């Protein structure tokens, strides 16, 4: 693990705060704590932590509103902490990176944090992607086609980024669903298909004859390979 990575914990339950902070400190993370959503947003903007642990049930504004606000200006990885399963698909679609159900064990928390941070660093290594007029700036969440900015949702951008980072390779449906929504063994591809229809409508000049993202029928999707000379 990289030393001195900063974790912002936005959580209003004292016992949980104490437990999580003591665990993280013992593993050499720096920990900042906020007991409410508005203060958490201020801290996030001021310190830009490496990762945020965000409780959904806060005393002032709920975690979903905090997440929406964050995703308007930041790509800081966010792990949601919640006592309920019901909001999982919704918050992942809004741009959360993972979702942990309370109560959880120390090992699970640490594993999830390491995984999200590792995935975040993988994205950082891909500074941009360029192919046939399609340009993706991973650092700034910017996608353009022929220099025209394409407005993607957080989930759409994650899908496009995942495919671009594996350009030329077929990404199976279940692997994409696992990476984007953290759903294991999901054979229902509807949520992915719906997002892909929207992505193609925005990216492709003719969605019926795509030039960027190709369907490998019954298997998955494949992004066109990068140009040899990257911008």
Protein backbone atom coordinates (compact mmCIF):
# COMPACT_ATOMS: atom_id res chain seq x y z
CA UNK A 1 0.00 0.00 0.00
CA UNK A 2 1.18 3.53 -0.72
CA UNK A 3 1.89 5.27 2.59
CA UNK A 4 0.05 8.26 3.90
CA UNK A 5 -2.98 8.02 1.66
CA UNK A 6 -5.77 10.24 2.93
CA UNK A 7 -9.21 8.88 3.73
CA UNK A 8 -12.15 11.16 4.39
CA UNK A 9 -14.79 9.45 6.52
CA UNK A 10 -18.22 11.11 6.39
CA UNK A 11 -20.16 9.34 9.12
CA UNK A 12 -22.30 10.59 12.01
CA UNK A 13 -22.22 7.51 14.24
CA UNK A 14 -19.50 7.92 16.86
CA UNK A 15 -18.88 4.19 17.39
CA UNK A 16 -18.46 3.52 13.67
CA UNK A 17 -16.19 6.56 13.29
CA UNK A 18 -13.99 5.35 16.12
CA UNK A 19 -13.83 1.81 14.77
CA UNK A 20 -13.03 2.78 11.17
CA UNK A 21 -10.51 5.48 12.05
CA UNK A 22 -8.59 3.22 14.44
CA UNK A 23 -8.43 0.47 11.79
CA UNK A 24 -7.24 2.83 9.08
CA UNK A 25 -4.67 4.54 11.29
CA UNK A 26 -3.21 1.17 12.20
CA UNK A 27 -2.65 0.55 8.48
CA UNK A 28 -0.91 3.90 7.91
CA UNK A 29 -3.76 5.80 6.33
CA UNK A 30 -4.33 9.42 7.26
CA UNK A 31 -7.92 9.89 8.40
CA UNK A 32 -10.14 12.96 8.30
CA UNK A 33 -13.59 12.74 9.86
CA UNK A 34 -16.75 14.69 9.17
CA UNK A 35 -19.97 14.14 11.10
CA UNK A 36 -22.24 15.63 8.43
CA UNK A 37 -22.55 15.95 4.68
CA UNK A 38 -22.02 19.68 4.22
CA UNK A 39 -18.82 19.71 6.26
CA UNK A 40 -17.68 16.61 4.39
CA UNK A 41 -18.08 18.37 1.04
CA UNK A 42 -16.06 21.32 2.33
CA UNK A 43 -13.26 19.04 3.52
CA UNK A 44 -13.27 17.11 0.26
CA UNK A 45 -12.94 20.33 -1.74
CA UNK A 46 -10.17 21.66 0.53
CA UNK A 47 -8.01 18.55 0.89
CA UNK A 48 -8.90 16.32 -2.11
CA UNK A 49 -8.47 13.03 -0.21
CA UNK A 50 -7.45 9.85 -2.00
CA UNK A 51 -10.76 8.19 -1.13
CA UNK A 52 -14.04 8.98 0.66
CA UNK A 53 -16.06 6.62 2.86
CA UNK A 54 -19.59 8.02 2.81
CA UNK A 55 -22.49 7.01 5.03
CA UNK A 56 -25.90 7.30 3.35
CA UNK A 57 -27.84 8.17 6.52
CA UNK A 58 -26.44 11.52 7.66
CA UNK A 59 -27.94 14.07 10.03
CA UNK A 60 -28.15 17.05 7.65
CA UNK A 61 -28.25 15.99 3.99
CA UNK A 62 -28.31 12.35 2.93
CA UNK A 63 -25.34 10.63 1.36
CA UNK A 64 -26.95 10.49 -2.07
CA UNK A 65 -27.04 14.29 -2.20
CA UNK A 66 -23.42 14.41 -1.05
CA UNK A 67 -22.46 11.96 -3.82
CA UNK A 68 -24.34 13.93 -6.47
CA UNK A 69 -22.59 17.12 -5.37
CA UNK A 70 -19.18 15.45 -5.39
CA UNK A 71 -19.66 14.05 -8.87
CA UNK A 72 -20.39 17.50 -10.24
CA UNK A 73 -16.76 18.46 -9.76
CA UNK A 74 -14.67 15.51 -8.57
CA UNK A 75 -13.63 11.96 -9.46
CA UNK A 76 -12.41 11.15 -5.94
CA UNK A 77 -13.19 7.46 -5.34
CA UNK A 78 -16.21 7.00 -3.06
CA UNK A 79 -17.22 3.91 -1.09
CA UNK A 80 -20.77 4.03 0.27
CA UNK A 81 -21.49 2.73 3.77
CA UNK A 82 -25.10 1.71 4.38
CA UNK A 83 -27.27 -0.55 6.49
CA UNK A 84 -29.55 -1.27 3.52
CA UNK A 85 -29.23 -3.08 0.19
CA UNK A 86 -31.96 -1.14 -1.59
CA UNK A 87 -29.90 1.87 -2.68
CA UNK A 88 -26.92 -0.07 -4.10
CA UNK A 89 -27.78 0.04 -7.80
CA UNK A 90 -28.87 3.68 -7.55
CA UNK A 91 -25.70 5.02 -5.90
CA UNK A 92 -23.41 2.99 -8.15
CA UNK A 93 -25.23 4.47 -11.12
CA UNK A 94 -24.68 7.94 -9.64
CA UNK A 95 -20.94 7.39 -9.59
CA UNK A 96 -20.05 5.61 -6.35
CA UNK A 97 -17.14 3.19 -6.72
CA UNK A 98 -18.29 0.58 -4.22
CA UNK A 99 -21.00 -0.16 -1.65
CA UNK A 100 -20.49 -1.86 1.73
CA UNK A 101 -23.33 -3.11 3.89
CA UNK A 102 -23.10 -2.50 7.64
CA UNK A 103 -22.01 -4.24 9.74
CA UNK A 104 -18.78 -5.20 8.01
CA UNK A 105 -15.53 -6.76 9.15
CA UNK A 106 -12.11 -5.12 9.16
CA UNK A 107 -10.73 -7.30 6.38
CA UNK A 108 -13.65 -6.55 4.07
CA UNK A 109 -13.29 -2.80 4.58
CA UNK A 110 -9.55 -2.84 3.96
CA UNK A 111 -9.90 -5.05 0.90
CA UNK A 112 -12.56 -2.81 -0.64
CA UNK A 113 -10.48 0.32 -0.01
CA UNK A 114 -7.37 -1.22 -1.57
CA UNK A 115 -9.34 -2.42 -4.59
CA UNK A 116 -10.95 0.96 -5.24
CA UNK A 117 -7.63 2.79 -4.82
CA UNK A 118 -5.89 0.32 -7.12
CA UNK A 119 -8.56 0.78 -9.79
CA UNK A 120 -8.29 4.53 -9.40
CA UNK A 121 -4.53 4.41 -9.93
CA UNK A 122 -5.01 2.26 -13.04
CA UNK A 123 -7.19 5.00 -14.48
CA UNK A 124 -4.56 7.61 -13.62
CA UNK A 125 -1.97 5.70 -15.68
CA UNK A 126 -4.10 6.13 -18.80
CA UNK A 127 -3.71 9.84 -19.40
CA UNK A 128 -5.79 9.80 -22.56
CA UNK A 129 -7.12 7.67 -25.37
CA UNK A 130 -7.35 8.59 -29.03
CA UNK A 131 -8.83 6.71 -31.98
CA UNK A 132 -10.43 7.98 -35.22
CA UNK A 133 -11.52 11.30 -33.77
CA UNK A 134 -12.59 9.89 -30.39
CA UNK A 135 -10.55 11.38 -27.53
CA UNK A 136 -10.85 10.48 -23.84
CA UNK A 137 -9.13 12.48 -21.10
CA UNK A 138 -9.33 10.15 -18.08
CA UNK A 139 -7.99 12.71 -15.60
CA UNK A 140 -10.66 15.28 -16.36
CA UNK A 141 -13.57 13.02 -17.38
CA UNK A 142 -13.73 14.63 -20.80
CA UNK A 143 -14.82 12.79 -23.95
CA UNK A 144 -14.79 14.44 -27.37
CA UNK A 145 -15.58 13.27 -30.89
CA UNK A 146 -13.98 15.39 -33.62
CA UNK A 147 -13.21 17.93 -30.86
CA UNK A 148 -16.88 18.25 -29.86
CA UNK A 149 -17.48 17.56 -26.16
CA UNK A 150 -19.75 14.57 -25.52
CA UNK A 151 -21.76 14.73 -22.30
CA UNK A 152 -21.82 11.31 -20.65
CA UNK A 153 -23.28 10.31 -17.30
CA UNK A 154 -20.87 9.03 -14.64
CA UNK A 155 -21.86 5.45 -15.39
CA UNK A 156 -21.52 5.93 -19.14
CA UNK A 157 -18.07 7.44 -18.67
CA UNK A 158 -17.02 4.48 -16.50
CA UNK A 159 -18.14 2.03 -19.17
CA UNK A 160 -16.38 3.91 -21.95
CA UNK A 161 -13.23 4.24 -19.83
CA UNK A 162 -13.21 0.54 -18.99
CA UNK A 163 -13.53 -0.40 -22.65
CA UNK A 164 -10.89 2.14 -23.72
CA UNK A 165 -8.43 0.90 -21.10
CA UNK A 166 -8.88 -2.56 -22.64
CA UNK A 167 -8.98 -1.34 -26.23
CA UNK A 168 -8.90 -4.08 -28.83
CA UNK A 169 -9.98 -6.73 -26.33
CA UNK A 170 -13.44 -8.17 -25.91
CA UNK A 171 -14.86 -7.30 -22.48
CA UNK A 172 -17.47 -9.91 -21.45
CA UNK A 173 -20.85 -8.64 -20.29
CA UNK A 174 -20.49 -10.09 -16.80
CA UNK A 175 -17.03 -8.57 -16.31
CA UNK A 176 -18.29 -5.11 -17.28
CA UNK A 177 -21.28 -5.47 -14.94
CA UNK A 178 -18.99 -6.59 -12.11
CA UNK A 179 -16.59 -3.68 -12.66
CA UNK A 180 -19.25 -0.98 -13.03
CA UNK A 181 -22.04 -2.11 -10.69
CA UNK A 182 -20.20 -4.68 -8.51
CA UNK A 183 -22.81 -7.32 -9.27
CA UNK A 184 -21.54 -10.91 -9.24
CA UNK A 185 -22.86 -13.56 -11.61
CA UNK A 186 -25.52 -11.27 -13.07
CA UNK A 187 -26.96 -12.80 -16.23
CA UNK A 188 -29.39 -9.92 -16.82
CA UNK A 189 -27.58 -7.56 -19.19
CA UNK A 190 -30.46 -5.10 -19.48
CA UNK A 191 -28.86 -2.34 -17.38
CA UNK A 192 -25.70 -2.58 -19.49
CA UNK A 193 -27.60 -2.65 -22.78
CA UNK A 194 -29.60 0.44 -21.82
CA UNK A 195 -26.41 2.36 -21.04
CA UNK A 196 -24.75 1.14 -24.24
CA UNK A 197 -27.65 2.35 -26.37
CA UNK A 198 -27.24 5.81 -24.83
CA UNK A 199 -23.44 5.75 -25.22
CA UNK A 200 -23.66 4.83 -28.91
CA UNK A 201 -26.28 7.46 -29.56
CA UNK A 202 -23.88 10.06 -28.16
CA UNK A 203 -20.57 8.78 -29.56
CA UNK A 204 -21.29 7.14 -32.88
CA UNK A 205 -22.12 8.97 -36.08
CA UNK A 206 -24.38 6.03 -36.94
CA UNK A 207 -25.25 3.82 -33.98
CA UNK A 208 -26.39 1.07 -36.36
CA UNK A 209 -22.91 0.99 -37.89
CA UNK A 210 -20.56 1.75 -34.95
CA UNK A 211 -16.93 2.66 -35.50
CA UNK A 212 -15.81 2.90 -31.87
CA UNK A 213 -17.56 0.25 -29.75
CA UNK A 214 -18.38 -3.09 -31.33
CA UNK A 215 -20.73 -5.81 -30.12
CA UNK A 216 -19.39 -9.35 -29.96
CA UNK A 217 -22.76 -11.09 -30.01
CA UNK A 218 -23.42 -13.22 -26.98
CA UNK A 219 -20.04 -12.31 -25.46
CA UNK A 220 -19.50 -8.62 -24.79
CA UNK A 221 -18.19 -5.33 -26.20
CA UNK A 222 -14.88 -4.28 -27.76
CA UNK A 223 -13.42 -0.79 -28.11
CA UNK A 224 -11.51 0.13 -31.26
CA UNK A 225 -7.74 0.02 -30.82
CA UNK A 226 -5.92 3.27 -30.13
CA UNK A 227 -4.19 5.31 -32.80
CA UNK A 228 -0.47 4.61 -32.90
CA UNK A 229 0.38 8.19 -32.03
CA UNK A 230 -1.51 9.23 -28.88
CA UNK A 231 -2.28 12.88 -28.38
